[in-house]
């Protein structure tokens, strides 16, 4: 086998390995992105669960506050009419508003995490596409060098 043939085989082999490496790199990036997306999706579900639990706790504490006020008034002989009723109604409205805010905040955080998961998936898909383009570019560059005589020993034919 002559030097020209060895140079040609080495050049082609190198470009094939470079292309394969680019594809492997893209696949690894996609696997990492898919993992990150799964983590973000799991965190979104946990955030929703946490917001639901926090909302229930908030409502329970608010209800306990209203009930404790009613019990205290009952012991002191104050009726639940007039001003005490207005206070209870205002407290209940504040509890409902706080609960809604707690739930909404959890939903916003979960939505952001879901958006992050979608972005991670897109990054993975783009990494795979880029890896194929890099591999193709490597092969075309080598073909161009071969076409210009880039792998010959300098001998003219």
C-alpha atoms as a PDB file:
ATOM      1  CA  UNK A   1       0.000   0.000   0.000  1.00  0.00           C
ATOM      2  CA  UNK A   2       1.441   3.374  -1.032  1.00  0.00           C
ATOM      3  CA  UNK A   3       1.685   6.546   1.002  1.00  0.00           C
ATOM      4  CA  UNK A   4      -1.122   8.105  -1.015  1.00  0.00           C
ATOM      5  CA  UNK A   5      -3.437   5.232  -0.171  1.00  0.00           C
ATOM      6  CA  UNK A   6      -2.485   5.360   3.503  1.00  0.00           C
ATOM      7  CA  UNK A   7      -3.082   9.103   3.589  1.00  0.00           C
ATOM      8  CA  UNK A   8      -6.445   8.631   1.905  1.00  0.00           C
ATOM      9  CA  UNK A   9      -7.511   5.845   4.299  1.00  0.00           C
ATOM     10  CA  UNK A  10      -6.332   7.844   7.314  1.00  0.00           C
ATOM     11  CA  UNK A  11      -8.160  10.952   6.113  1.00  0.00           C
ATOM     12  CA  UNK A  12     -11.394   9.113   5.462  1.00  0.00           C
ATOM     13  CA  UNK A  13     -11.111   7.184   8.727  1.00  0.00           C
ATOM     14  CA  UNK A  14     -10.472  10.379  10.650  1.00  0.00           C
ATOM     15  CA  UNK A  15     -13.471  12.121   9.135  1.00  0.00           C
ATOM     16  CA  UNK A  16     -15.702   9.098   9.844  1.00  0.00           C
ATOM     17  CA  UNK A  17     -14.516   9.020  13.473  1.00  0.00           C
ATOM     18  CA  UNK A  18     -15.030  12.771  13.747  1.00  0.00           C
ATOM     19  CA  UNK A  19     -18.557  12.396  12.377  1.00  0.00           C
ATOM     20  CA  UNK A  20     -19.330   9.506  14.700  1.00  0.00           C
ATOM     21  CA  UNK A  21     -18.001  11.522  17.628  1.00  0.00           C
ATOM     22  CA  UNK A  22     -20.218  14.458  16.708  1.00  0.00           C
ATOM     23  CA  UNK A  23     -23.279  12.207  16.582  1.00  0.00           C
ATOM     24  CA  UNK A  24     -22.368  10.587  19.918  1.00  0.00           C
ATOM     25  CA  UNK A  25     -21.926  14.034  21.464  1.00  0.00           C
ATOM     26  CA  UNK A  26     -25.386  15.038  20.209  1.00  0.00           C
ATOM     27  CA  UNK A  27     -26.947  11.874  21.592  1.00  0.00           C
ATOM     28  CA  UNK A  28     -25.313  12.448  24.982  1.00  0.00           C
ATOM     29  CA  UNK A  29     -26.573  16.044  25.025  1.00  0.00           C
ATOM     30  CA  UNK A  30     -30.075  14.802  24.217  1.00  0.00           C
ATOM     31  CA  UNK A  31     -29.956  12.231  27.017  1.00  0.00           C
ATOM     32  CA  UNK A  32     -28.856  14.921  29.473  1.00  0.00           C
ATOM     33  CA  UNK A  33     -31.584  17.273  28.253  1.00  0.00           C
ATOM     34  CA  UNK A  34     -34.228  14.528  28.507  1.00  0.00           C
ATOM     35  CA  UNK A  35     -33.107  13.781  32.068  1.00  0.00           C
ATOM     36  CA  UNK A  36     -33.270  17.474  32.997  1.00  0.00           C
ATOM     37  CA  UNK A  37     -36.715  17.717  31.419  1.00  0.00           C
ATOM     38  CA  UNK A  38     -37.932  14.748  33.461  1.00  0.00           C
ATOM     39  CA  UNK A  39     -36.543  16.326  36.635  1.00  0.00           C
ATOM     40  CA  UNK A  40     -38.285  19.628  35.857  1.00  0.00           C
ATOM     41  CA  UNK A  41     -41.568  17.841  35.138  1.00  0.00           C
ATOM     42  CA  UNK A  42     -41.302  15.966  38.447  1.00  0.00           C
ATOM     43  CA  UNK A  43     -40.533  19.190  40.294  1.00  0.00           C
ATOM     44  CA  UNK A  44     -43.594  20.809  38.671  1.00  0.00           C
ATOM     45  CA  UNK A  45     -45.820  18.010  39.951  1.00  0.00           C
ATOM     46  CA  UNK A  46     -44.275  18.311  43.419  1.00  0.00           C
ATOM     47  CA  UNK A  47     -44.796  22.091  43.340  1.00  0.00           C
ATOM     48  CA  UNK A  48     -48.489  21.620  42.561  1.00  0.00           C
ATOM     49  CA  UNK A  49     -48.833  19.086  45.375  1.00  0.00           C
ATOM     50  CA  UNK A  50     -47.045  21.413  47.795  1.00  0.00           C
ATOM     51  CA  UNK A  51     -49.248  24.363  46.786  1.00  0.00           C
ATOM     52  CA  UNK A  52     -52.363  22.245  47.270  1.00  0.00           C
ATOM     53  CA  UNK A  53     -51.206  21.152  50.735  1.00  0.00           C
ATOM     54  CA  UNK A  54     -50.181  24.706  51.687  1.00  0.00           C
ATOM     55  CA  UNK A  55     -53.588  25.965  50.553  1.00  0.00           C
ATOM     56  CA  UNK A  56     -55.391  23.360  52.630  1.00  0.00           C
ATOM     57  CA  UNK A  57     -53.239  24.256  55.660  1.00  0.00           C
ATOM     58  CA  UNK A  58     -53.970  27.963  55.134  1.00  0.00           C
ATOM     59  CA  UNK A  59     -57.713  27.324  54.969  1.00  0.00           C
ATOM     60  CA  UNK A  60     -57.565  25.074  58.047  1.00  0.00           C
ATOM     61  CA  UNK A  61     -55.699  27.736  60.058  1.00  0.00           C
ATOM     62  CA  UNK A  62     -58.122  30.422  58.893  1.00  0.00           C
ATOM     63  CA  UNK A  63     -61.118  28.292  59.826  1.00  0.00           C
ATOM     64  CA  UNK A  64     -59.583  27.610  63.231  1.00  0.00           C
ATOM     65  CA  UNK A  65     -59.115  31.354  63.746  1.00  0.00           C
ATOM     66  CA  UNK A  66     -62.760  32.068  62.895  1.00  0.00           C
ATOM     67  CA  UNK A  67     -63.989  29.218  65.091  1.00  0.00           C
ATOM     68  CA  UNK A  68     -61.766  30.299  67.991  1.00  0.00           C
ATOM     69  CA  UNK A  69     -63.198  33.825  67.712  1.00  0.00           C
ATOM     70  CA  UNK A  70     -66.742  32.491  67.752  1.00  0.00           C
ATOM     71  CA  UNK A  71     -65.987  30.269  70.737  1.00  0.00           C
ATOM     72  CA  UNK A  72     -64.421  33.173  72.626  1.00  0.00           C
ATOM     73  CA  UNK A  73     -67.419  35.365  71.900  1.00  0.00           C
ATOM     74  CA  UNK A  74     -69.745  32.576  73.039  1.00  0.00           C
ATOM     75  CA  UNK A  75     -67.932  32.330  76.367  1.00  0.00           C
ATOM     76  CA  UNK A  76     -68.142  36.080  76.907  1.00  0.00           C
ATOM     77  CA  UNK A  77     -71.793  36.256  75.927  1.00  0.00           C
ATOM     78  CA  UNK A  78     -71.297  38.253  72.707  1.00  0.00           C
ATOM     79  CA  UNK A  79     -73.620  37.139  69.902  1.00  0.00           C
ATOM     80  CA  UNK A  80     -72.487  36.327  66.388  1.00  0.00           C
ATOM     81  CA  UNK A  81     -74.572  39.136  64.927  1.00  0.00           C
ATOM     82  CA  UNK A  82     -73.663  42.667  63.867  1.00  0.00           C
ATOM     83  CA  UNK A  83     -70.001  43.630  64.158  1.00  0.00           C
ATOM     84  CA  UNK A  84     -68.761  40.155  65.203  1.00  0.00           C
ATOM     85  CA  UNK A  85     -70.458  38.686  62.124  1.00  0.00           C
ATOM     86  CA  UNK A  86     -68.835  41.316  59.916  1.00  0.00           C
ATOM     87  CA  UNK A  87     -65.441  40.475  61.421  1.00  0.00           C
ATOM     88  CA  UNK A  88     -65.994  36.771  60.727  1.00  0.00           C
ATOM     89  CA  UNK A  89     -67.024  37.509  57.146  1.00  0.00           C
ATOM     90  CA  UNK A  90     -63.972  39.703  56.595  1.00  0.00           C
ATOM     91  CA  UNK A  91     -61.714  37.020  58.060  1.00  0.00           C
ATOM     92  CA  UNK A  92     -63.258  34.353  55.830  1.00  0.00           C
ATOM     93  CA  UNK A  93     -62.749  36.586  52.755  1.00  0.00           C
ATOM     94  CA  UNK A  94     -59.098  37.155  53.718  1.00  0.00           C
ATOM     95  CA  UNK A  95     -58.584  33.414  54.201  1.00  0.00           C
ATOM     96  CA  UNK A  96     -60.136  32.704  50.793  1.00  0.00           C
ATOM     97  CA  UNK A  97     -57.930  35.348  49.160  1.00  0.00           C
ATOM     98  CA  UNK A  98     -54.791  34.019  50.873  1.00  0.00           C
ATOM     99  CA  UNK A  99     -55.660  30.459  49.847  1.00  0.00           C
ATOM    100  CA  UNK A 100     -56.203  31.518  46.239  1.00  0.00           C
ATOM    101  CA  UNK A 101     -52.883  33.364  46.214  1.00  0.00           C
ATOM    102  CA  UNK A 102     -51.082  30.347  47.660  1.00  0.00           C
ATOM    103  CA  UNK A 103     -52.570  28.044  45.045  1.00  0.00           C
ATOM    104  CA  UNK A 104     -51.900  30.517  42.221  1.00  0.00           C
ATOM    105  CA  UNK A 105     -48.275  30.962  43.290  1.00  0.00           C
ATOM    106  CA  UNK A 106     -47.745  27.205  43.213  1.00  0.00           C
ATOM    107  CA  UNK A 107     -49.355  26.980  39.793  1.00  0.00           C
ATOM    108  CA  UNK A 108     -47.057  29.730  38.468  1.00  0.00           C
ATOM    109  CA  UNK A 109     -43.967  27.960  39.802  1.00  0.00           C
ATOM    110  CA  UNK A 110     -45.156  24.655  38.333  1.00  0.00           C
ATOM    111  CA  UNK A 111     -45.830  26.273  34.953  1.00  0.00           C
ATOM    112  CA  UNK A 112     -42.319  27.738  34.886  1.00  0.00           C
ATOM    113  CA  UNK A 113     -40.860  24.319  35.610  1.00  0.00           C
ATOM    114  CA  UNK A 114     -42.956  22.778  32.836  1.00  0.00           C
ATOM    115  CA  UNK A 115     -41.726  25.478  30.455  1.00  0.00           C
ATOM    116  CA  UNK A 116     -38.160  24.653  31.510  1.00  0.00           C
ATOM    117  CA  UNK A 117     -38.859  20.974  30.798  1.00  0.00           C
ATOM    118  CA  UNK A 118     -40.107  21.823  27.293  1.00  0.00           C
ATOM    119  CA  UNK A 119     -37.029  23.973  26.711  1.00  0.00           C
ATOM    120  CA  UNK A 120     -34.757  21.125  27.805  1.00  0.00           C
ATOM    121  CA  UNK A 121     -36.501  18.775  25.359  1.00  0.00           C
ATOM    122  CA  UNK A 122     -36.018  21.298  22.553  1.00  0.00           C
ATOM    123  CA  UNK A 123     -32.335  21.693  23.433  1.00  0.00           C
ATOM    124  CA  UNK A 124     -31.917  17.930  23.215  1.00  0.00           C
ATOM    125  CA  UNK A 125     -33.579  17.765  19.811  1.00  0.00           C
ATOM    126  CA  UNK A 126     -31.458  20.655  18.555  1.00  0.00           C
ATOM    127  CA  UNK A 127     -28.287  18.972  19.851  1.00  0.00           C
ATOM    128  CA  UNK A 128     -29.094  15.856  17.842  1.00  0.00           C
ATOM    129  CA  UNK A 129     -29.771  17.890  14.701  1.00  0.00           C
ATOM    130  CA  UNK A 130     -26.555  19.856  15.202  1.00  0.00           C
ATOM    131  CA  UNK A 131     -24.598  16.634  15.670  1.00  0.00           C
ATOM    132  CA  UNK A 132     -25.790  15.296  12.324  1.00  0.00           C
ATOM    133  CA  UNK A 133     -24.903  18.596  10.675  1.00  0.00           C
ATOM    134  CA  UNK A 134     -21.439  18.509  12.284  1.00  0.00           C
ATOM    135  CA  UNK A 135     -20.926  14.926  11.121  1.00  0.00           C
ATOM    136  CA  UNK A 136     -21.991  15.801   7.600  1.00  0.00           C
ATOM    137  CA  UNK A 137     -19.752  18.855   7.601  1.00  0.00           C
ATOM    138  CA  UNK A 138     -16.785  16.737   8.685  1.00  0.00           C
ATOM    139  CA  UNK A 139     -17.400  14.246   5.897  1.00  0.00           C
ATOM    140  CA  UNK A 140     -17.877  16.971   3.293  1.00  0.00           C
ATOM    141  CA  UNK A 141     -14.716  18.772   4.423  1.00  0.00           C
ATOM    142  CA  UNK A 142     -12.755  15.549   4.039  1.00  0.00           C
ATOM    143  CA  UNK A 143     -14.301  14.906   0.644  1.00  0.00           C
ATOM    144  CA  UNK A 144     -13.329  18.425  -0.388  1.00  0.00           C
ATOM    145  CA  UNK A 145      -9.749  17.870   0.732  1.00  0.00           C
ATOM    146  CA  UNK A 146      -9.649  14.595  -1.156  1.00  0.00           C
ATOM    147  CA  UNK A 147     -11.069  16.281  -4.236  1.00  0.00           C
ATOM    148  CA  UNK A 148      -8.290  18.898  -4.105  1.00  0.00           C
ATOM    149  CA  UNK A 149      -5.648  16.253  -3.600  1.00  0.00           C
ATOM    150  CA  UNK A 150      -5.329  17.011   0.099  1.00  0.00           C
ATOM    151  CA  UNK A 151      -4.549  13.422   0.992  1.00  0.00           C
ATOM    152  CA  UNK A 152      -1.895  12.738  -1.579  1.00  0.00           C
ATOM    153  CA  UNK A 153       1.827  12.675  -0.944  1.00  0.00           C
ATOM    154  CA  UNK A 154       2.321  15.515  -3.361  1.00  0.00           C
ATOM    155  CA  UNK A 155       3.015  13.316  -6.378  1.00  0.00           C
ATOM    156  CA  UNK A 156       1.393  14.411  -9.602  1.00  0.00           C
ATOM    157  CA  UNK A 157      -0.407  11.977 -11.811  1.00  0.00           C
END
